Amino acid sequence: MSDDLDIETRRRRLRYRSARTGTKETDLLVGEVIARLGDDLPADEVAQAERLLGANDVDIANWISGRAPAPTEHDTPFLARLRREALSRQRRHGP
């Protein structure tokens, strides 16, 4: 995504893109968090999410679940937020 766009446009595009990543698991893990946070997602995490969504969907799901370590460029506060959300969801709904 371009940093030249205003933050509202970037958030809107991110909400759309995160709900249609290509795999249902990643749509649920990433899309739900972004949809819920909406306009409260800080600009730095918007940029982190944009970069993360450029990665392979299976890799993203593995990084969130902890099945694989995330590369340094994706091991960000936004990914940590996704991990916490996934863990919280698992506790609420079971494995």
PDB file of N, CA and C in Angstrom:
ATOM      1  N   MET A   1       0.834  -1.184   0.000  1.00  0.00           N
ATOM      2  CA  MET A   1       0.000   0.000   0.000  1.00  0.00           C
ATOM      3  C   MET A   1       0.872   1.238   0.000  1.00  0.00           C
ATOM      4  N   SER A   2       0.314   2.285  -0.471  1.00  0.00           N
ATOM      5  CA  SER A   2       1.074   3.526  -0.579  1.00  0.00           C
ATOM      6  C   SER A   2       0.866   4.390   0.659  1.00  0.00           C
ATOM      7  N   ASP A   3       1.980   4.866   1.203  1.00  0.00           N
ATOM      8  CA  ASP A   3       1.890   5.788   2.326  1.00  0.00           C
ATOM      9  C   ASP A   3       1.391   7.155   1.881  1.00  0.00           C
ATOM     10  N   ASP A   4       1.265   7.375   0.561  1.00  0.00           N
ATOM     11  CA  ASP A   4       0.779   8.646   0.038  1.00  0.00           C
ATOM     12  C   ASP A   4      -0.729   8.801   0.247  1.00  0.00           C
ATOM     13  N   LEU A   5      -1.435   7.697   0.455  1.00  0.00           N
ATOM     14  CA  LEU A   5      -2.874   7.757   0.664  1.00  0.00           C
ATOM     15  C   LEU A   5      -3.169   8.183   2.093  1.00  0.00           C
ATOM     16  N   ASP A   6      -4.314   8.820   2.297  1.00  0.00           N
ATOM     17  CA  ASP A   6      -4.673   9.211   3.657  1.00  0.00           C
ATOM     18  C   ASP A   6      -4.991   7.956   4.473  1.00  0.00           C
ATOM     19  N   ILE A   7      -4.873   8.068   5.780  1.00  0.00           N
ATOM     20  CA  ILE A   7      -5.002   6.908   6.666  1.00  0.00           C
ATOM     21  C   ILE A   7      -6.391   6.275   6.595  1.00  0.00           C
ATOM     22  N   GLU A   8      -7.419   7.066   6.409  1.00  0.00           N
ATOM     23  CA  GLU A   8      -8.772   6.504   6.314  1.00  0.00           C
ATOM     24  C   GLU A   8      -8.901   5.609   5.083  1.00  0.00           C
ATOM     25  N   THR A   9      -8.354   6.045   3.961  1.00  0.00           N
ATOM     26  CA  THR A   9      -8.395   5.241   2.740  1.00  0.00           C
ATOM     27  C   THR A   9      -7.595   3.960   2.933  1.00  0.00           C
ATOM     28  N   ARG A  10      -6.448   4.061   3.559  1.00  0.00           N
ATOM     29  CA  ARG A  10      -5.624   2.871   3.797  1.00  0.00           C
ATOM     30  C   ARG A  10      -6.335   1.886   4.715  1.00  0.00           C
ATOM     31  N   ARG A  11      -7.011   2.383   5.759  1.00  0.00           N
ATOM     32  CA  ARG A  11      -7.757   1.496   6.663  1.00  0.00           C
ATOM     33  C   ARG A  11      -8.910   0.815   5.916  1.00  0.00           C
ATOM     34  N   ARG A  12      -9.609   1.573   5.089  1.00  0.00           N
ATOM     35  CA  ARG A  12     -10.718   1.017   4.315  1.00  0.00           C
ATOM     36  C   ARG A  12     -10.222  -0.085   3.387  1.00  0.00           C
ATOM     37  N   ARG A  13      -9.131   0.160   2.689  1.00  0.00           N
ATOM     38  CA  ARG A  13      -8.555  -0.852   1.795  1.00  0.00           C
ATOM     39  C   ARG A  13      -8.069  -2.064   2.572  1.00  0.00           C
ATOM     40  N   LEU A  14      -7.497  -1.819   3.724  1.00  0.00           N
ATOM     41  CA  LEU A  14      -7.005  -2.915   4.557  1.00  0.00           C
ATOM     42  C   LEU A  14      -8.154  -3.794   5.043  1.00  0.00           C
ATOM     43  N   ARG A  15      -9.262  -3.174   5.437  1.00  0.00           N
ATOM     44  CA  ARG A  15     -10.428  -3.969   5.868  1.00  0.00           C
ATOM     45  C   ARG A  15     -10.913  -4.866   4.730  1.00  0.00           C
ATOM     46  N   TYR A  16     -11.005  -4.319   3.537  1.00  0.00           N
ATOM     47  CA  TYR A  16     -11.447  -5.098   2.378  1.00  0.00           C
ATOM     48  C   TYR A  16     -10.456  -6.226   2.087  1.00  0.00           C
ATOM     49  N   ARG A  17      -9.204  -5.868   1.988  1.00  0.00           N
ATOM     50  CA  ARG A  17      -8.167  -6.840   1.619  1.00  0.00           C
ATOM     51  C   ARG A  17      -8.007  -7.954   2.659  1.00  0.00           C
ATOM     52  N   SER A  18      -8.123  -7.619   3.931  1.00  0.00           N
ATOM     53  CA  SER A  18      -7.918  -8.608   4.985  1.00  0.00           C
ATOM     54  C   SER A  18      -9.072  -9.603   5.080  1.00  0.00           C
ATOM     55  N   ALA A  19     -10.216  -9.258   4.555  1.00  0.00           N
ATOM     56  CA  ALA A  19     -11.354 -10.172   4.570  1.00  0.00           C
ATOM     57  C   ALA A  19     -11.361 -11.097   3.364  1.00  0.00           C
ATOM     58  N   ARG A  20     -10.447 -10.870   2.434  1.00  0.00           N
ATOM     59  CA  ARG A  20     -10.385 -11.658   1.198  1.00  0.00           C
ATOM     60  C   ARG A  20      -8.935 -12.015   0.873  1.00  0.00           C
ATOM     61  N   THR A  21      -8.280 -12.670   1.817  1.00  0.00           N
ATOM     62  CA  THR A  21      -6.855 -12.956   1.650  1.00  0.00           C
ATOM     63  C   THR A  21      -6.595 -14.106   0.703  1.00  0.00           C
ATOM     64  N   GLY A  22      -7.517 -15.018   0.598  1.00  0.00           N
ATOM     65  CA  GLY A  22      -7.313 -16.182  -0.256  1.00  0.00           C
ATOM     66  C   GLY A  22      -7.527 -17.486   0.490  1.00  0.00           C
ATOM     67  N   THR A  23      -7.360 -17.454   1.818  1.00  0.00           N
ATOM     68  CA  THR A  23      -7.662 -18.647   2.614  1.00  0.00           C
ATOM     69  C   THR A  23      -8.608 -18.258   3.744  1.00  0.00           C
ATOM     70  N   LYS A  24      -9.531 -19.124   4.036  1.00  0.00           N
ATOM     71  CA  LYS A  24     -10.535 -18.838   5.058  1.00  0.00           C
ATOM     72  C   LYS A  24      -9.895 -18.629   6.431  1.00  0.00           C
ATOM     73  N   GLU A  25      -8.886 -19.441   6.752  1.00  0.00           N
ATOM     74  CA  GLU A  25      -8.239 -19.327   8.055  1.00  0.00           C
ATOM     75  C   GLU A  25      -7.619 -17.938   8.241  1.00  0.00           C
ATOM     76  N   THR A  26      -6.922 -17.463   7.231  1.00  0.00           N
ATOM     77  CA  THR A  26      -6.291 -16.142   7.332  1.00  0.00           C
ATOM     78  C   THR A  26      -7.343 -15.044   7.307  1.00  0.00           C
ATOM     79  N   ASP A  27      -8.401 -15.218   6.514  1.00  0.00           N
ATOM     80  CA  ASP A  27      -9.502 -14.249   6.524  1.00  0.00           C
ATOM     81  C   ASP A  27     -10.037 -14.083   7.940  1.00  0.00           C
ATOM     82  N   LEU A  28     -10.237 -15.206   8.629  1.00  0.00           N
ATOM     83  CA  LEU A  28     -10.782 -15.154   9.978  1.00  0.00           C
ATOM     84  C   LEU A  28      -9.791 -14.553  10.969  1.00  0.00           C
ATOM     85  N   LEU A  29      -8.550 -15.005  10.901  1.00  0.00           N
ATOM     86  CA  LEU A  29      -7.548 -14.541  11.863  1.00  0.00           C
ATOM     87  C   LEU A  29      -7.241 -13.065  11.710  1.00  0.00           C
ATOM     88  N   VAL A  30      -7.024 -12.628  10.491  1.00  0.00           N
ATOM     89  CA  VAL A  30      -6.615 -11.241  10.247  1.00  0.00           C
ATOM     90  C   VAL A  30      -7.826 -10.342  10.030  1.00  0.00           C
ATOM     91  N   GLY A  31      -8.746 -10.781   9.197  1.00  0.00           N
ATOM     92  CA  GLY A  31      -9.900  -9.958   8.845  1.00  0.00           C
ATOM     93  C   GLY A  31     -10.756  -9.559  10.023  1.00  0.00           C
ATOM     94  N   GLU A  32     -10.993 -10.491  10.941  1.00  0.00           N
ATOM     95  CA  GLU A  32     -11.830 -10.172  12.098  1.00  0.00           C
ATOM     96  C   GLU A  32     -11.178  -9.131  13.003  1.00  0.00           C
ATOM     97  N   VAL A  33      -9.881  -9.247  13.198  1.00  0.00           N
ATOM     98  CA  VAL A  33      -9.179  -8.276  14.051  1.00  0.00           C
ATOM     99  C   VAL A  33      -9.233  -6.889  13.419  1.00  0.00           C
ATOM    100  N   ILE A  34      -8.940  -6.818  12.143  1.00  0.00           N
ATOM    101  CA  ILE A  34      -8.943  -5.524  11.458  1.00  0.00           C
ATOM    102  C   ILE A  34     -10.355  -4.944  11.402  1.00  0.00           C
ATOM    103  N   ALA A  35     -11.347  -5.783  11.155  1.00  0.00           N
ATOM    104  CA  ALA A  35     -12.732  -5.300  11.116  1.00  0.00           C
ATOM    105  C   ALA A  35     -13.149  -4.754  12.477  1.00  0.00           C
ATOM    106  N   ARG A  36     -12.769  -5.427  13.536  1.00  0.00           N
ATOM    107  CA  ARG A  36     -13.149  -4.996  14.874  1.00  0.00           C
ATOM    108  C   ARG A  36     -12.433  -3.709  15.279  1.00  0.00           C
ATOM    109  N   LEU A  37     -11.151  -3.607  14.958  1.00  0.00           N
ATOM    110  CA  LEU A  37     -10.382  -2.420  15.327  1.00  0.00           C
ATOM    111  C   LEU A  37     -10.752  -1.214  14.482  1.00  0.00           C
ATOM    112  N   GLY A  38     -11.076  -1.482  13.218  1.00  0.00           N
ATOM    113  CA  GLY A  38     -11.522  -0.425  12.326  1.00  0.00           C
ATOM    114  C   GLY A  38     -10.663   0.816  12.356  1.00  0.00           C
ATOM    115  N   ASP A  39     -11.282   1.920  12.689  1.00  0.00           N
ATOM    116  CA  ASP A  39     -10.600   3.215  12.661  1.00  0.00           C
ATOM    117  C   ASP A  39      -9.646   3.421  13.834  1.00  0.00           C
ATOM    118  N   ASP A  40      -9.607   2.489  14.771  1.00  0.00           N
ATOM    119  CA  ASP A  40      -8.717   2.620  15.917  1.00  0.00           C
ATOM    120  C   ASP A  40      -7.337   2.010  15.685  1.00  0.00           C
ATOM    121  N   LEU A  41      -7.152   1.364  14.546  1.00  0.00           N
ATOM    122  CA  LEU A  41      -5.852   0.762  14.258  1.00  0.00           C
ATOM    123  C   LEU A  41      -4.846   1.878  13.988  1.00  0.00           C
ATOM    124  N   PRO A  42      -3.786   1.970  14.804  1.00  0.00           N
ATOM    125  CA  PRO A  42      -2.800   3.037  14.624  1.00  0.00           C
ATOM    126  C   PRO A  42      -2.123   2.959  13.258  1.00  0.00           C
ATOM    127  N   ALA A  43      -1.673   4.093  12.759  1.00  0.00           N
ATOM    128  CA  ALA A  43      -1.059   4.170  11.428  1.00  0.00           C
ATOM    129  C   ALA A  43       0.135   3.234  11.286  1.00  0.00           C
ATOM    130  N   ASP A  44       0.954   3.104  12.342  1.00  0.00           N
ATOM    131  CA  ASP A  44       2.102   2.209  12.225  1.00  0.00           C
ATOM    132  C   ASP A  44       1.660   0.755  12.072  1.00  0.00           C
ATOM    133  N   GLU A  45       0.576   0.369  12.745  1.00  0.00           N
ATOM    134  CA  GLU A  45       0.080  -1.000  12.606  1.00  0.00           C
ATOM    135  C   GLU A  45      -0.649  -1.196  11.276  1.00  0.00           C
ATOM    136  N   VAL A  46      -1.231  -0.133  10.736  1.00  0.00           N
ATOM    137  CA  VAL A  46      -1.804  -0.217   9.386  1.00  0.00           C
ATOM    138  C   VAL A  46      -0.697  -0.591   8.406  1.00  0.00           C
ATOM    139  N   ALA A  47       0.432   0.085   8.505  1.00  0.00           N
ATOM    140  CA  ALA A  47       1.562  -0.207   7.619  1.00  0.00           C
ATOM    141  C   ALA A  47       2.080  -1.628   7.831  1.00  0.00           C
ATOM    142  N   GLN A  48       2.143  -2.057   9.074  1.00  0.00           N
ATOM    143  CA  GLN A  48       2.594  -3.424   9.369  1.00  0.00           C
ATOM    144  C   GLN A  48       1.625  -4.454   8.782  1.00  0.00           C
ATOM    145  N   ALA A  49       0.328  -4.195   8.921  1.00  0.00           N
ATOM    146  CA  ALA A  49      -0.683  -5.106   8.379  1.00  0.00           C
ATOM    147  C   ALA A  49      -0.620  -5.152   6.857  1.00  0.00           C
ATOM    148  N   GLU A  50      -0.413  -3.999   6.235  1.00  0.00           N
ATOM    149  CA  GLU A  50      -0.290  -3.954   4.775  1.00  0.00           C
ATOM    150  C   GLU A  50       0.879  -4.822   4.317  1.00  0.00           C
ATOM    151  N   ARG A  51       2.010  -4.695   4.996  1.00  0.00           N
ATOM    152  CA  ARG A  51       3.185  -5.510   4.629  1.00  0.00           C
ATOM    153  C   ARG A  51       2.914  -6.987   4.881  1.00  0.00           C
ATOM    154  N   LEU A  52       2.285  -7.293   6.010  1.00  0.00           N
ATOM    155  CA  LEU A  52       1.988  -8.686   6.347  1.00  0.00           C
ATOM    156  C   LEU A  52       1.114  -9.330   5.287  1.00  0.00           C
ATOM    157  N   LEU A  53       0.121  -8.608   4.798  1.00  0.00           N
ATOM    158  CA  LEU A  53      -0.791  -9.174   3.808  1.00  0.00           C
ATOM    159  C   LEU A  53      -0.125  -9.393   2.452  1.00  0.00           C
ATOM    160  N   GLY A  54       1.077  -8.908   2.286  1.00  0.00           N
ATOM    161  CA  GLY A  54       1.846  -9.193   1.081  1.00  0.00           C
ATOM    162  C   GLY A  54       2.515 -10.554   1.124  1.00  0.00           C
ATOM    163  N   ALA A  55       2.499 -11.184   2.290  1.00  0.00           N
ATOM    164  CA  ALA A  55       3.110 -12.505   2.452  1.00  0.00           C
ATOM    165  C   ALA A  55       2.115 -13.601   2.059  1.00  0.00           C
ATOM    166  N   ASN A  56       2.615 -14.799   1.953  1.00  0.00           N
ATOM    167  CA  ASN A  56       1.808 -15.972   1.635  1.00  0.00           C
ATOM    168  C   ASN A  56       0.822 -16.246   2.770  1.00  0.00           C
ATOM    169  N   ASP A  57      -0.430 -16.540   2.423  1.00  0.00           N
ATOM    170  CA  ASP A  57      -1.477 -16.766   3.424  1.00  0.00           C
ATOM    171  C   ASP A  57      -1.146 -17.897   4.387  1.00  0.00           C
ATOM    172  N   VAL A  58      -0.604 -18.977   3.879  1.00  0.00           N
ATOM    173  CA  VAL A  58      -0.263 -20.116   4.738  1.00  0.00           C
ATOM    174  C   VAL A  58       0.829 -19.704   5.727  1.00  0.00           C
ATOM    175  N   ASP A  59       1.801 -18.946   5.254  1.00  0.00           N
ATOM    176  CA  ASP A  59       2.850 -18.456   6.152  1.00  0.00           C
ATOM    177  C   ASP A  59       2.259 -17.572   7.240  1.00  0.00           C
ATOM    178  N   ILE A  60       1.366 -16.670   6.869  1.00  0.00           N
ATOM    179  CA  ILE A  60       0.738 -15.778   7.847  1.00  0.00           C
ATOM    180  C   ILE A  60       0.039 -16.591   8.923  1.00  0.00           C
ATOM    181  N   ALA A  61      -0.746 -17.561   8.525  1.00  0.00           N
ATOM    182  CA  ALA A  61      -1.458 -18.399   9.493  1.00  0.00           C
ATOM    183  C   ALA A  61      -0.473 -19.139  10.399  1.00  0.00           C
ATOM    184  N   ASN A  62       0.614 -19.633   9.833  1.00  0.00           N
ATOM    185  CA  ASN A  62       1.624 -20.331  10.639  1.00  0.00           C
ATOM    186  C   ASN A  62       2.317 -19.398  11.615  1.00  0.00           C
ATOM    187  N   TRP A  63       2.580 -18.160  11.213  1.00  0.00           N
ATOM    188  CA  TRP A  63       3.220 -17.187  12.103  1.00  0.00           C
ATOM    189  C   TRP A  63       2.283 -16.801  13.244  1.00  0.00           C
ATOM    190  N   ILE A  64       1.005 -16.638  12.931  1.00  0.00           N
ATOM    191  CA  ILE A  64       0.037 -16.268  13.960  1.00  0.00           C
ATOM    192  C   ILE A  64      -0.124 -17.399  14.967  1.00  0.00           C
ATOM    193  N   SER A  65      -0.223 -18.607  14.462  1.00  0.00           N
ATOM    194  CA  SER A  65      -0.458 -19.762  15.340  1.00  0.00           C
ATOM    195  C   SER A  65       0.790 -20.197  16.090  1.00  0.00           C
ATOM    196  N   GLY A  66       1.942 -19.744  15.649  1.00  0.00           N
ATOM    197  CA  GLY A  66       3.182 -20.166  16.280  1.00  0.00           C
ATOM    198  C   GLY A  66       3.749 -21.451  15.717  1.00  0.00           C
ATOM    199  N   ARG A  67       3.133 -21.965  14.653  1.00  0.00           N
ATOM    200  CA  ARG A  67       3.648 -23.189  14.025  1.00  0.00           C
ATOM    201  C   ARG A  67       4.982 -22.938  13.337  1.00  0.00           C
ATOM    202  N   ALA A  68       5.256 -21.676  13.017  1.00  0.00           N
ATOM    203  CA  ALA A  68       6.527 -21.301  12.385  1.00  0.00           C
ATOM    204  C   ALA A  68       6.911 -19.911  12.878  1.00  0.00           C
ATOM    205  N   PRO A  69       8.204 -19.653  13.033  1.00  0.00           N
ATOM    206  CA  PRO A  69       8.621 -18.308  13.448  1.00  0.00           C
ATOM    207  C   PRO A  69       8.473 -17.321  12.290  1.00  0.00           C
ATOM    208  N   ALA A  70       8.066 -16.119  12.628  1.00  0.00           N
ATOM    209  CA  ALA A  70       7.924 -15.071  11.610  1.00  0.00           C
ATOM    210  C   ALA A  70       9.293 -14.483  11.295  1.00  0.00           C
ATOM    211  N   PRO A  71       9.544 -14.160  10.028  1.00  0.00           N
ATOM    212  CA  PRO A  71      10.783 -13.454   9.701  1.00  0.00           C
ATOM    213  C   PRO A  71      10.774 -12.075  10.364  1.00  0.00           C
ATOM    214  N   THR A  72      11.934 -11.547  10.583  1.00  0.00           N
ATOM    215  CA  THR A  72      12.093 -10.281  11.297  1.00  0.00           C
ATOM    216  C   THR A  72      11.206  -9.176  10.751  1.00  0.00           C
ATOM    217  N   GLU A  73      11.107  -9.064   9.427  1.00  0.00           N
ATOM    218  CA  GLU A  73      10.331  -7.963   8.850  1.00  0.00           C
ATOM    219  C   GLU A  73       8.829  -8.064   9.138  1.00  0.00           C
ATOM    220  N   HIS A  74       8.363  -9.260   9.522  1.00  0.00           N
ATOM    221  CA  HIS A  74       6.942  -9.427   9.837  1.00  0.00           C
ATOM    222  C   HIS A  74       6.691  -9.642  11.332  1.00  0.00           C
ATOM    223  N   ASP A  75       7.738  -9.745  12.124  1.00  0.00           N
ATOM    224  CA  ASP A  75       7.591  -9.942  13.566  1.00  0.00           C
ATOM    225  C   ASP A  75       7.405  -8.573  14.221  1.00  0.00           C
ATOM    226  N   THR A  76       6.187  -8.064  14.116  1.00  0.00           N
ATOM    227  CA  THR A  76       5.853  -6.685  14.472  1.00  0.00           C
ATOM    228  C   THR A  76       4.815  -6.645  15.597  1.00  0.00           C
ATOM    229  N   PRO A  77       4.567  -5.476  16.154  1.00  0.00           N
ATOM    230  CA  PRO A  77       3.486  -5.349  17.137  1.00  0.00           C
ATOM    231  C   PRO A  77       2.125  -5.792  16.579  1.00  0.00           C
ATOM    232  N   PHE A  78       1.879  -5.570  15.294  1.00  0.00           N
ATOM    233  CA  PHE A  78       0.608  -6.008  14.723  1.00  0.00           C
ATOM    234  C   PHE A  78       0.508  -7.532  14.730  1.00  0.00           C
ATOM    235  N   LEU A  79       1.575  -8.218  14.369  1.00  0.00           N
ATOM    236  CA  LEU A  79       1.557  -9.684  14.404  1.00  0.00           C
ATOM    237  C   LEU A  79       1.390 -10.170  15.843  1.00  0.00           C
ATOM    238  N   ALA A  80       2.018  -9.511  16.785  1.00  0.00           N
ATOM    239  CA  ALA A  80       1.844  -9.877  18.198  1.00  0.00           C
ATOM    240  C   ALA A  80       0.386  -9.712  18.612  1.00  0.00           C
ATOM    241  N   ARG A  81      -0.259  -8.658  18.130  1.00  0.00           N
ATOM    242  CA  ARG A  81      -1.682  -8.446  18.413  1.00  0.00           C
ATOM    243  C   ARG A  81      -2.513  -9.592  17.834  1.00  0.00           C
ATOM    244  N   LEU A  82      -2.195  -9.998  16.611  1.00  0.00           N
ATOM    245  CA  LEU A  82      -2.919 -11.111  15.989  1.00  0.00           C
ATOM    246  C   LEU A  82      -2.734 -12.396  16.783  1.00  0.00           C
ATOM    247  N   ARG A  83      -1.520 -12.630  17.264  1.00  0.00           N
ATOM    248  CA  ARG A  83      -1.258 -13.833  18.079  1.00  0.00           C
ATOM    249  C   ARG A  83      -2.087 -13.818  19.357  1.00  0.00           C
ATOM    250  N   ARG A  84      -2.123 -12.665  20.032  1.00  0.00           N
ATOM    251  CA  ARG A  84      -2.922 -12.557  21.262  1.00  0.00           C
ATOM    252  C   ARG A  84      -4.394 -12.800  20.979  1.00  0.00           C
ATOM    253  N   GLU A  85      -4.879 -12.223  19.894  1.00  0.00           N
ATOM    254  CA  GLU A  85      -6.286 -12.397  19.526  1.00  0.00           C
ATOM    255  C   GLU A  85      -6.603 -13.863  19.221  1.00  0.00           C
ATOM    256  N   ALA A  86      -5.711 -14.522  18.507  1.00  0.00           N
ATOM    257  CA  ALA A  86      -5.922 -15.932  18.166  1.00  0.00           C
ATOM    258  C   ALA A  86      -5.926 -16.796  19.423  1.00  0.00           C
ATOM    259  N   LEU A  87      -5.019 -16.519  20.353  1.00  0.00           N
ATOM    260  CA  LEU A  87      -4.959 -17.263  21.601  1.00  0.00           C
ATOM    261  C   LEU A  87      -6.210 -17.028  22.430  1.00  0.00           C
ATOM    262  N   SER A  88      -6.658 -15.791  22.498  1.00  0.00           N
ATOM    263  CA  SER A  88      -7.871 -15.462  23.232  1.00  0.00           C
ATOM    264  C   SER A  88      -9.087 -16.163  22.625  1.00  0.00           C
ATOM    265  N   ARG A  89      -9.137 -16.163  21.311  1.00  0.00           N
ATOM    266  CA  ARG A  89     -10.243 -16.829  20.612  1.00  0.00           C
ATOM    267  C   ARG A  89     -10.226 -18.329  20.888  1.00  0.00           C
ATOM    268  N   GLN A  90      -9.047 -18.924  20.886  1.00  0.00           N
ATOM    269  CA  GLN A  90      -8.919 -20.351  21.145  1.00  0.00           C
ATOM    270  C   GLN A  90      -9.384 -20.674  22.560  1.00  0.00           C
ATOM    271  N   ARG A  91      -9.045 -19.841  23.501  1.00  0.00           N
ATOM    272  CA  ARG A  91      -9.478 -20.056  24.896  1.00  0.00           C
ATOM    273  C   ARG A  91     -10.988 -19.980  25.037  1.00  0.00           C
ATOM    274  N   ARG A  92     -11.587 -19.048  24.281  1.00  0.00           N
ATOM    275  CA  ARG A  92     -13.046 -18.886  24.343  1.00  0.00           C
ATOM    276  C   ARG A  92     -13.794 -20.008  23.657  1.00  0.00           C
ATOM    277  N   HIS A  93     -13.264 -20.477  22.534  1.00  0.00           N
ATOM    278  CA  HIS A  93     -13.999 -21.412  21.692  1.00  0.00           C
ATOM    279  C   HIS A  93     -13.407 -22.815  21.645  1.00  0.00           C
ATOM    280  N   GLY A  94     -12.259 -22.996  22.244  1.00  0.00           N
ATOM    281  CA  GLY A  94     -11.595 -24.297  22.210  1.00  0.00           C
ATOM    282  C   GLY A  94     -10.786 -24.470  20.938  1.00  0.00           C
ATOM    283  N   PRO A  95      -9.963 -25.515  20.905  1.00  0.00           N
ATOM    284  CA  PRO A  95      -9.077 -25.734  19.751  1.00  0.00           C
ATOM    285  C   PRO A  95      -9.796 -25.998  18.454  1.00  0.00           C
TER     286      PRO A  95
END
